[in-house]
Structures are given as structure tokens and as C-alpha cells.
């Protein structure tokens, strides 16, 4: 049985949510409600469209031009188990996964290590297993809340300068937070042009 997922929308051909041509999955529900958010309609967890991981994956895999998938929102870690399943299947299909979150990476690590039985009564409750699984399938994490006073239009793939682009593959390998750097090589203009 496919996991349920509530989405704000899908963007099958995004060039603004990470490098290359990407498929954007915008989840519904976000407890951060950052002032100035570019998707304020995604905050209400009861709004949006109810769907399943299977349906989202069908749409992603139908687009053979994308090189990666971006999980954004809303807040993907507030639907971590379903988003992790999307990420796992995307990685199996050869697509890289970027995840945007309003949570700082360090807070996600704390949530992932938490004992679910002793978890505090906070809303929304982050599922430790889901957080661990989503972090495990994420290649690049764009972390931190959007801060309107730090908004900068010239930033690549983030809205405010406090947000970090964390290369989770390198971070897992080194054990230290490693920032992502541009990995695309652009072809040289042929000499006969």
C-alpha cells in the first residue's frame, strides 16, 4: 500500500529549485510560516491535495528529461516518511534529491536521534525514523527558515542568506558539515564557431 502524501503542487520542469532540469514536489503543511514565504498557501496542513507516493512517482518517472527531484513546500520533514519514500525511489531511478527545510540541519539530527516514546508534546511532532530516512536519501539539504530581512535575489537556490546548501553525501562521508558547491561543467565553445 502506497504511503499518503498531501501536496501543495508539482512542478515537472523546474530550473529554480536546484541545478539542471528538476521535478519539484511541493508538500502541503508548514509549521514555520515564515513571513515573506513565497508559498504561504502551503502552510495549512489541511489544505492542498491528498495523493500517494505511488501517484507522485508515476508523474516523476513519466518525465524522462529531469535529472533530479526537489522536495520543498511546505515542510518536507513534517511528512518525512512519505518524502523519504519518494527520495528513495528517485535515487533508485538515478535521480539526485534536494530537500528544502525550515529546520536547521542540527535540529534535524537531534530529531532523528530522539526517542519517540519520550518526545516532547510539540506540534507538529517530527517522526525520528522518517527524519533519519529522509536525511539518508537527500543529496543536498537547503536548511534554515526564510528570513525576509536577509532576502537576496542573487543567491543560488535559496531565498535568504542564512540558509545553507549542505552537501549531505560529503557530510556523511566526512562527519563534518560540508557545503555544496556547483558541480556542473559547462561545455567550452568549439574553436570553429
C-alpha atoms as a PDB file:
ATOM      1  CA  UNK A   1       0.000   0.000   0.000  1.00  0.00           C
ATOM      2  CA  UNK A   2       1.363   3.392  -1.012  1.00  0.00           C
ATOM      3  CA  UNK A   3       2.020   5.991   1.669  1.00  0.00           C
ATOM      4  CA  UNK A   4      -0.312   9.011   1.683  1.00  0.00           C
ATOM      5  CA  UNK A   5       1.167  12.404   0.856  1.00  0.00           C
ATOM      6  CA  UNK A   6      -0.519  15.825   0.969  1.00  0.00           C
ATOM      7  CA  UNK A   7       0.891  18.155  -1.668  1.00  0.00           C
ATOM      8  CA  UNK A   8       0.654  21.826  -2.499  1.00  0.00           C
ATOM      9  CA  UNK A   9       1.631  21.106  -6.089  1.00  0.00           C
ATOM     10  CA  UNK A  10       4.043  19.581  -8.567  1.00  0.00           C
ATOM     11  CA  UNK A  11       6.452  21.385 -10.900  1.00  0.00           C
ATOM     12  CA  UNK A  12       7.530  18.897 -13.578  1.00  0.00           C
ATOM     13  CA  UNK A  13      10.130  21.185 -15.164  1.00  0.00           C
ATOM     14  CA  UNK A  14      11.757  23.451 -12.601  1.00  0.00           C
ATOM     15  CA  UNK A  15      15.052  25.270 -13.193  1.00  0.00           C
ATOM     16  CA  UNK A  16      14.938  27.302  -9.955  1.00  0.00           C
ATOM     17  CA  UNK A  17      14.922  24.553  -7.290  1.00  0.00           C
ATOM     18  CA  UNK A  18      18.449  23.236  -7.811  1.00  0.00           C
ATOM     19  CA  UNK A  19      20.775  22.624 -10.757  1.00  0.00           C
ATOM     20  CA  UNK A  20      19.616  21.155 -14.028  1.00  0.00           C
ATOM     21  CA  UNK A  21      16.059  20.357 -15.016  1.00  0.00           C
ATOM     22  CA  UNK A  22      14.283  19.181 -11.884  1.00  0.00           C
ATOM     23  CA  UNK A  23      10.916  17.834 -10.831  1.00  0.00           C
ATOM     24  CA  UNK A  24       9.622  19.836  -7.864  1.00  0.00           C
ATOM     25  CA  UNK A  25       7.385  18.209  -5.270  1.00  0.00           C
ATOM     26  CA  UNK A  26       5.842  20.876  -3.030  1.00  0.00           C
ATOM     27  CA  UNK A  27       4.325  19.316   0.064  1.00  0.00           C
ATOM     28  CA  UNK A  28       1.421  20.827   1.984  1.00  0.00           C
ATOM     29  CA  UNK A  29       1.763  21.920   5.602  1.00  0.00           C
ATOM     30  CA  UNK A  30       4.443  24.009   7.271  1.00  0.00           C
ATOM     31  CA  UNK A  31       4.606  24.998  10.920  1.00  0.00           C
ATOM     32  CA  UNK A  32       7.348  27.596  10.276  1.00  0.00           C
ATOM     33  CA  UNK A  33       5.026  30.029   8.433  1.00  0.00           C
ATOM     34  CA  UNK A  34       7.981  32.292   7.653  1.00  0.00           C
ATOM     35  CA  UNK A  35       6.948  35.901   6.965  1.00  0.00           C
ATOM     36  CA  UNK A  36       7.504  36.624   3.273  1.00  0.00           C
ATOM     37  CA  UNK A  37       7.366  32.945   2.266  1.00  0.00           C
ATOM     38  CA  UNK A  38       6.878  32.540  -1.483  1.00  0.00           C
ATOM     39  CA  UNK A  39       4.380  29.681  -0.890  1.00  0.00           C
ATOM     40  CA  UNK A  40       2.199  30.894   2.026  1.00  0.00           C
ATOM     41  CA  UNK A  41      -0.726  28.838   0.712  1.00  0.00           C
ATOM     42  CA  UNK A  42       1.330  25.730   1.526  1.00  0.00           C
ATOM     43  CA  UNK A  43       1.311  26.383   5.292  1.00  0.00           C
ATOM     44  CA  UNK A  44      -2.115  24.950   6.204  1.00  0.00           C
ATOM     45  CA  UNK A  45      -1.660  21.178   6.697  1.00  0.00           C
ATOM     46  CA  UNK A  46      -5.343  20.546   5.933  1.00  0.00           C
ATOM     47  CA  UNK A  47      -5.264  22.320   2.550  1.00  0.00           C
ATOM     48  CA  UNK A  48      -3.711  21.110  -0.681  1.00  0.00           C
ATOM     49  CA  UNK A  49      -4.359  17.805  -2.406  1.00  0.00           C
ATOM     50  CA  UNK A  50      -4.321  14.325  -0.898  1.00  0.00           C
ATOM     51  CA  UNK A  51      -2.376  11.875  -3.045  1.00  0.00           C
ATOM     52  CA  UNK A  52       0.010   8.952  -2.634  1.00  0.00           C
ATOM     53  CA  UNK A  53       3.719   8.320  -3.084  1.00  0.00           C
ATOM     54  CA  UNK A  54       2.850   5.978  -5.980  1.00  0.00           C
ATOM     55  CA  UNK A  55       0.949   8.739  -7.824  1.00  0.00           C
ATOM     56  CA  UNK A  56       3.761  11.253  -7.316  1.00  0.00           C
ATOM     57  CA  UNK A  57       6.352   8.731  -8.501  1.00  0.00           C
ATOM     58  CA  UNK A  58       4.289   7.964 -11.587  1.00  0.00           C
ATOM     59  CA  UNK A  59       4.392  11.664 -12.509  1.00  0.00           C
ATOM     60  CA  UNK A  60       8.127  11.947 -11.790  1.00  0.00           C
ATOM     61  CA  UNK A  61       9.106   8.860 -13.776  1.00  0.00           C
ATOM     62  CA  UNK A  62       6.938   9.942 -16.722  1.00  0.00           C
ATOM     63  CA  UNK A  63       9.255  12.923 -17.213  1.00  0.00           C
ATOM     64  CA  UNK A  64      12.386  11.444 -18.738  1.00  0.00           C
ATOM     65  CA  UNK A  65      14.106  14.828 -19.087  1.00  0.00           C
ATOM     66  CA  UNK A  66      14.642  15.627 -15.404  1.00  0.00           C
ATOM     67  CA  UNK A  67      17.985  14.961 -13.741  1.00  0.00           C
ATOM     68  CA  UNK A  68      16.806  15.414 -10.178  1.00  0.00           C
ATOM     69  CA  UNK A  69      13.917  15.894  -7.797  1.00  0.00           C
ATOM     70  CA  UNK A  70      13.456  18.689  -5.285  1.00  0.00           C
ATOM     71  CA  UNK A  71      11.298  18.213  -2.185  1.00  0.00           C
ATOM     72  CA  UNK A  72      10.067  21.557  -0.943  1.00  0.00           C
ATOM     73  CA  UNK A  73       6.909  23.000   0.408  1.00  0.00           C
ATOM     74  CA  UNK A  74       5.519  23.411   2.776  1.00  0.00           C
ATOM     75  CA  UNK A  75       7.869  21.433   5.026  1.00  0.00           C
ATOM     76  CA  UNK A  76       9.037  18.015   3.781  1.00  0.00           C
ATOM     77  CA  UNK A  77      10.214  16.913   7.238  1.00  0.00           C
ATOM     78  CA  UNK A  78       6.663  17.267   8.552  1.00  0.00           C
ATOM     79  CA  UNK A  79       5.763  14.439   6.123  1.00  0.00           C
ATOM     80  CA  UNK A  80       9.171  12.799   6.424  1.00  0.00           C
ATOM     81  CA  UNK A  81       8.240   9.135   5.920  1.00  0.00           C
ATOM     82  CA  UNK A  82       6.388   9.756   2.657  1.00  0.00           C
ATOM     83  CA  UNK A  83       9.034  12.197   1.392  1.00  0.00           C
ATOM     84  CA  UNK A  84      11.769   9.700   2.277  1.00  0.00           C
ATOM     85  CA  UNK A  85       9.985   7.059   0.200  1.00  0.00           C
ATOM     86  CA  UNK A  86       9.810   9.479  -2.753  1.00  0.00           C
ATOM     87  CA  UNK A  87      13.513  10.217  -2.289  1.00  0.00           C
ATOM     88  CA  UNK A  88      14.449   6.535  -2.047  1.00  0.00           C
ATOM     89  CA  UNK A  89      12.594   5.673  -5.252  1.00  0.00           C
ATOM     90  CA  UNK A  90      14.071   8.677  -7.060  1.00  0.00           C
ATOM     91  CA  UNK A  91      17.595   7.673  -6.078  1.00  0.00           C
ATOM     92  CA  UNK A  92      16.887   4.129  -7.319  1.00  0.00           C
ATOM     93  CA  UNK A  93      15.823   5.693 -10.633  1.00  0.00           C
ATOM     94  CA  UNK A  94      19.143   7.563 -10.881  1.00  0.00           C
ATOM     95  CA  UNK A  95      17.806  10.986  -9.882  1.00  0.00           C
ATOM     96  CA  UNK A  96      19.514  13.171  -7.292  1.00  0.00           C
ATOM     97  CA  UNK A  97      17.419  14.546  -4.420  1.00  0.00           C
ATOM     98  CA  UNK A  98      17.437  18.040  -2.963  1.00  0.00           C
ATOM     99  CA  UNK A  99      15.334  18.794   0.120  1.00  0.00           C
ATOM    100  CA  UNK A 100      14.379  22.267   1.340  1.00  0.00           C
ATOM    101  CA  UNK A 101      13.576  22.686   5.027  1.00  0.00           C
ATOM    102  CA  UNK A 102      12.983  25.450   7.518  1.00  0.00           C
ATOM    103  CA  UNK A 103      14.677  23.344  10.186  1.00  0.00           C
ATOM    104  CA  UNK A 104      18.421  23.812  10.740  1.00  0.00           C
ATOM    105  CA  UNK A 105      20.347  20.626   9.965  1.00  0.00           C
ATOM    106  CA  UNK A 106      21.481  20.326  13.574  1.00  0.00           C
ATOM    107  CA  UNK A 107      17.843  20.322  14.788  1.00  0.00           C
ATOM    108  CA  UNK A 108      17.035  17.574  12.288  1.00  0.00           C
ATOM    109  CA  UNK A 109      19.916  15.491  13.640  1.00  0.00           C
ATOM    110  CA  UNK A 110      18.511  15.970  17.164  1.00  0.00           C
ATOM    111  CA  UNK A 111      15.034  14.959  15.969  1.00  0.00           C
ATOM    112  CA  UNK A 112      16.455  11.900  14.186  1.00  0.00           C
ATOM    113  CA  UNK A 113      18.169  10.782  17.388  1.00  0.00           C
ATOM    114  CA  UNK A 114      15.147  11.399  19.621  1.00  0.00           C
ATOM    115  CA  UNK A 115      13.355   8.617  21.433  1.00  0.00           C
ATOM    116  CA  UNK A 116       9.803   8.688  20.016  1.00  0.00           C
ATOM    117  CA  UNK A 117       8.375   7.499  23.349  1.00  0.00           C
ATOM    118  CA  UNK A 118       9.978  10.413  25.214  1.00  0.00           C
ATOM    119  CA  UNK A 119       9.319  13.065  22.553  1.00  0.00           C
ATOM    120  CA  UNK A 120       8.006  16.378  23.754  1.00  0.00           C
ATOM    121  CA  UNK A 121       4.468  17.470  23.035  1.00  0.00           C
ATOM    122  CA  UNK A 122       5.254  19.905  20.263  1.00  0.00           C
ATOM    123  CA  UNK A 123       3.275  20.499  17.135  1.00  0.00           C
ATOM    124  CA  UNK A 124       3.951  19.154  14.647  1.00  0.00           C
ATOM    125  CA  UNK A 125       5.826  16.191  16.034  1.00  0.00           C
ATOM    126  CA  UNK A 126       8.745  15.117  13.875  1.00  0.00           C
ATOM    127  CA  UNK A 127       8.988  11.367  13.353  1.00  0.00           C
ATOM    128  CA  UNK A 128      12.579  10.343  14.229  1.00  0.00           C
ATOM    129  CA  UNK A 129      12.633   7.373  11.818  1.00  0.00           C
ATOM    130  CA  UNK A 130      11.149   9.456   9.000  1.00  0.00           C
ATOM    131  CA  UNK A 131      13.654  12.267   9.593  1.00  0.00           C
ATOM    132  CA  UNK A 132      16.560   9.774   9.555  1.00  0.00           C
ATOM    133  CA  UNK A 133      15.272   8.178   6.351  1.00  0.00           C
ATOM    134  CA  UNK A 134      14.732  11.494   4.569  1.00  0.00           C
ATOM    135  CA  UNK A 135      18.190  12.748   5.537  1.00  0.00           C
ATOM    136  CA  UNK A 136      19.657   9.444   4.292  1.00  0.00           C
ATOM    137  CA  UNK A 137      18.207   9.844   0.779  1.00  0.00           C
ATOM    138  CA  UNK A 138      18.876  13.583   0.446  1.00  0.00           C
ATOM    139  CA  UNK A 139      21.910  14.587  -1.611  1.00  0.00           C
ATOM    140  CA  UNK A 140      21.700  18.328  -0.873  1.00  0.00           C
ATOM    141  CA  UNK A 141      19.838  19.897   2.042  1.00  0.00           C
ATOM    142  CA  UNK A 142      18.862  23.568   1.878  1.00  0.00           C
ATOM    143  CA  UNK A 143      18.289  24.319   5.546  1.00  0.00           C
ATOM    144  CA  UNK A 144      17.036  27.102   7.765  1.00  0.00           C
ATOM    145  CA  UNK A 145      13.955  29.296   7.790  1.00  0.00           C
ATOM    146  CA  UNK A 146      13.427  32.007   5.207  1.00  0.00           C
ATOM    147  CA  UNK A 147      14.291  35.332   6.861  1.00  0.00           C
ATOM    148  CA  UNK A 148      12.762  38.228   4.962  1.00  0.00           C
ATOM    149  CA  UNK A 149      15.344  40.767   6.192  1.00  0.00           C
ATOM    150  CA  UNK A 150      18.094  38.512   4.761  1.00  0.00           C
ATOM    151  CA  UNK A 151      16.385  38.026   1.385  1.00  0.00           C
ATOM    152  CA  UNK A 152      18.826  38.285  -1.503  1.00  0.00           C
ATOM    153  CA  UNK A 153      17.721  37.719  -5.085  1.00  0.00           C
ATOM    154  CA  UNK A 154      21.263  36.927  -6.246  1.00  0.00           C
ATOM    155  CA  UNK A 155      21.600  33.796  -4.124  1.00  0.00           C
ATOM    156  CA  UNK A 156      21.617  30.490  -5.951  1.00  0.00           C
ATOM    157  CA  UNK A 157      18.807  28.142  -4.922  1.00  0.00           C
ATOM    158  CA  UNK A 158      17.953  29.805  -1.621  1.00  0.00           C
ATOM    159  CA  UNK A 159      15.885  32.774  -0.578  1.00  0.00           C
ATOM    160  CA  UNK A 160      17.812  34.287   2.327  1.00  0.00           C
ATOM    161  CA  UNK A 161      21.491  34.401   3.214  1.00  0.00           C
ATOM    162  CA  UNK A 162      21.083  32.434   6.464  1.00  0.00           C
ATOM    163  CA  UNK A 163      20.064  29.327   4.524  1.00  0.00           C
ATOM    164  CA  UNK A 164      22.801  26.804   3.773  1.00  0.00           C
ATOM    165  CA  UNK A 165      23.291  24.390   0.897  1.00  0.00           C
ATOM    166  CA  UNK A 166      24.659  21.308   2.649  1.00  0.00           C
ATOM    167  CA  UNK A 167      26.185  18.502   0.601  1.00  0.00           C
ATOM    168  CA  UNK A 168      24.841  15.594   2.659  1.00  0.00           C
ATOM    169  CA  UNK A 169      26.771  12.994   0.662  1.00  0.00           C
ATOM    170  CA  UNK A 170      30.077  14.691   1.561  1.00  0.00           C
ATOM    171  CA  UNK A 171      28.848  15.458   5.087  1.00  0.00           C
ATOM    172  CA  UNK A 172      28.031  11.802   5.735  1.00  0.00           C
ATOM    173  CA  UNK A 173      31.434  10.749   4.346  1.00  0.00           C
ATOM    174  CA  UNK A 174      33.484  13.257   6.353  1.00  0.00           C
ATOM    175  CA  UNK A 175      31.391  13.504   9.518  1.00  0.00           C
ATOM    176  CA  UNK A 176      31.534  17.302   9.232  1.00  0.00           C
ATOM    177  CA  UNK A 177      29.052  19.712   7.668  1.00  0.00           C
ATOM    178  CA  UNK A 178      30.240  20.280   4.110  1.00  0.00           C
ATOM    179  CA  UNK A 179      28.694  22.955   1.950  1.00  0.00           C
ATOM    180  CA  UNK A 180      27.620  22.148  -1.577  1.00  0.00           C
ATOM    181  CA  UNK A 181      29.440  23.796  -4.447  1.00  0.00           C
ATOM    182  CA  UNK A 182      28.455  23.968  -8.084  1.00  0.00           C
ATOM    183  CA  UNK A 183      29.281  20.647  -9.742  1.00  0.00           C
ATOM    184  CA  UNK A 184      28.179  21.288 -13.300  1.00  0.00           C
ATOM    185  CA  UNK A 185      30.775  21.673 -16.009  1.00  0.00           C
ATOM    186  CA  UNK A 186      29.709  23.835 -18.893  1.00  0.00           C
ATOM    187  CA  UNK A 187      30.980  22.911 -22.345  1.00  0.00           C
ATOM    188  CA  UNK A 188      33.566  25.103 -23.998  1.00  0.00           C
ATOM    189  CA  UNK A 189      32.631  26.907 -27.200  1.00  0.00           C
ATOM    190  CA  UNK A 190      34.169  24.981 -30.118  1.00  0.00           C
ATOM    191  CA  UNK A 191      37.075  26.820 -31.780  1.00  0.00           C
ATOM    192  CA  UNK A 192      35.388  26.626 -35.184  1.00  0.00           C
ATOM    193  CA  UNK A 193      32.400  28.759 -34.021  1.00  0.00           C
END
